[in-house]
Every structure is written in structure tokens, then in C-alpha cells.
Amino acid sequence: MVWVSNRASATIDVSITTTTNPDGSPAVFRILPQAQALDTPADNLWPRAGQEQLTVTWSDKRVKVIPVVDPDAFVRVYDGAIALSQVVVIRV
């Protein structure tokens, strides 16, 4: 499951392809900055079974497409950068 956290100073728009999860939503989701809203699974988590493409659009219309995002990635979006971390998930 891809987790996207907005550490930028303004709202971002995020979309993730649905190649490995056809039931997932390909819609663009607006994520408020962490200073305005805490991260929650309902707002920040995308279930995916494999690698997908992630698109981030900042409020000033800059766009960054990341062609390969692992399904358990933790993505932090800043004003001038995107940090990707692989997460070790232990399901119970």
C-alpha cells in the first residue's frame, strides 16, 4: 500500500495508476499539507499489489511523474523534492 504524505507548504494533487489493482481508483486526490491535516489511511493510503506510476502536481502547477513506485512505498512530498522510502510491512 502506497502512503503519500504532504510535507509541502500547499495542497498537492496525487494520482496513482491501477495496473496491479484494477479495483483501485485512478482519480486525482487532493492532499492537504501535514500542517493543516494529520495523515490518515482514508486520505493518504493507496492499496496496490505491485509497482505503479505516481503523479504529483503542486499548487504552482509543477508536475512530477515517478514511473515506478513499489506497492509498500512511503512517499513524502516537499516543496522542492519527493522522498521515496521502501517500507517493510509485517501483516498480522
Protein backbone atom coordinates (compact mmCIF):
# COMPACT_ATOMS: atom_id res chain seq x y z
CA MET A 1 0.00 0.00 0.00
CA VAL A 2 1.46 3.31 -1.07
CA TRP A 3 1.38 6.02 1.59
CA VAL A 4 1.73 9.64 0.43
CA SER A 5 2.43 12.38 2.97
CA ASN A 6 2.30 16.05 2.02
CA ARG A 7 5.14 17.93 3.72
CA ALA A 8 4.93 20.82 1.24
CA SER A 9 3.58 24.21 2.24
CA ALA A 10 0.50 23.95 -0.01
CA THR A 11 -2.05 21.37 -1.14
CA ILE A 12 -0.89 18.80 -3.71
CA ASP A 13 -2.81 16.61 -6.15
CA VAL A 14 -1.78 12.95 -6.40
CA SER A 15 -2.77 10.10 -8.69
CA ILE A 16 -1.53 6.51 -8.83
CA THR A 17 -2.13 4.14 -11.72
CA THR A 18 -4.20 1.00 -11.18
CA THR A 19 -2.25 -1.55 -13.21
CA THR A 20 -1.89 -4.00 -10.31
CA ASN A 21 -5.17 -3.12 -8.61
CA PRO A 22 -7.93 -2.68 -11.21
CA ASP A 23 -10.45 -2.00 -8.44
CA GLY A 24 -8.38 0.93 -7.17
CA SER A 25 -9.26 4.48 -8.05
CA PRO A 26 -7.25 6.24 -10.79
CA ALA A 27 -8.74 9.56 -9.67
CA VAL A 28 -6.69 12.57 -8.64
CA PHE A 29 -6.78 13.10 -4.89
CA ARG A 30 -6.10 16.39 -3.16
CA ILE A 31 -3.86 16.07 -0.10
CA LEU A 32 -3.65 18.92 2.38
CA PRO A 33 -0.31 19.88 3.87
CA GLN A 34 0.52 17.98 7.06
CA ALA A 35 0.46 21.31 8.93
CA GLN A 36 -3.28 21.58 8.13
CA ALA A 37 -4.40 17.95 8.42
CA LEU A 38 -2.91 14.85 10.00
CA ASP A 39 -2.17 11.90 7.73
CA THR A 40 -4.87 9.21 7.83
CA PRO A 41 -5.35 5.95 5.91
CA ALA A 42 -8.52 7.39 4.34
CA ASP A 43 -6.63 10.35 2.86
CA ASN A 44 -3.06 9.11 2.35
CA LEU A 45 -3.12 5.37 1.59
CA TRP A 46 -3.50 3.65 -1.79
CA PRO A 47 -3.77 -0.17 -1.85
CA ARG A 48 -1.69 -1.55 -4.72
CA ALA A 49 -0.36 -5.06 -5.35
CA GLY A 50 2.68 -4.14 -7.45
CA GLN A 51 4.67 -1.32 -8.94
CA GLU A 52 2.69 1.68 -10.18
CA GLN A 53 3.22 5.16 -11.58
CA LEU A 54 2.72 8.12 -9.24
CA THR A 55 1.97 11.67 -10.40
CA VAL A 56 2.27 14.68 -8.10
CA THR A 57 1.04 18.15 -9.02
CA TRP A 58 1.96 21.06 -6.78
CA SER A 59 -0.29 24.12 -6.37
CA ASP A 60 2.03 26.14 -8.65
CA LYS A 61 1.32 23.58 -11.44
CA ARG A 62 4.71 21.82 -11.34
CA VAL A 63 4.23 18.13 -12.15
CA LYS A 64 6.48 15.19 -11.34
CA VAL A 65 5.80 11.70 -12.65
CA ILE A 66 7.58 8.83 -10.91
CA PRO A 67 7.37 5.85 -13.26
CA VAL A 68 7.99 3.09 -10.70
CA VAL A 69 6.69 3.18 -7.13
CA ASP A 70 6.79 -0.03 -5.11
CA PRO A 71 3.49 -1.12 -3.52
CA ASP A 72 4.76 -0.60 0.03
CA ALA A 73 6.45 2.74 -0.59
CA PHE A 74 6.27 5.68 1.77
CA VAL A 75 6.31 8.90 -0.27
CA ARG A 76 6.97 12.30 1.30
CA VAL A 77 6.32 15.31 -0.91
CA TYR A 78 8.11 18.57 -0.10
CA ASP A 79 8.08 21.97 -1.84
CA GLY A 80 11.17 21.12 -3.90
CA ALA A 81 11.60 17.36 -3.64
CA ILE A 82 9.98 13.95 -3.32
CA ALA A 83 11.46 11.35 -0.96
CA LEU A 84 10.68 7.67 -1.53
CA SER A 85 11.25 5.04 1.15
CA GLN A 86 10.71 1.32 0.90
CA VAL A 87 8.74 0.07 3.88
CA VAL A 88 8.94 -3.34 5.46
CA VAL A 89 5.36 -4.43 6.10
CA ILE A 90 4.52 -7.20 8.54
CA ARG A 91 0.91 -8.25 8.16
CA VAL A 92 -0.74 -9.85 11.18
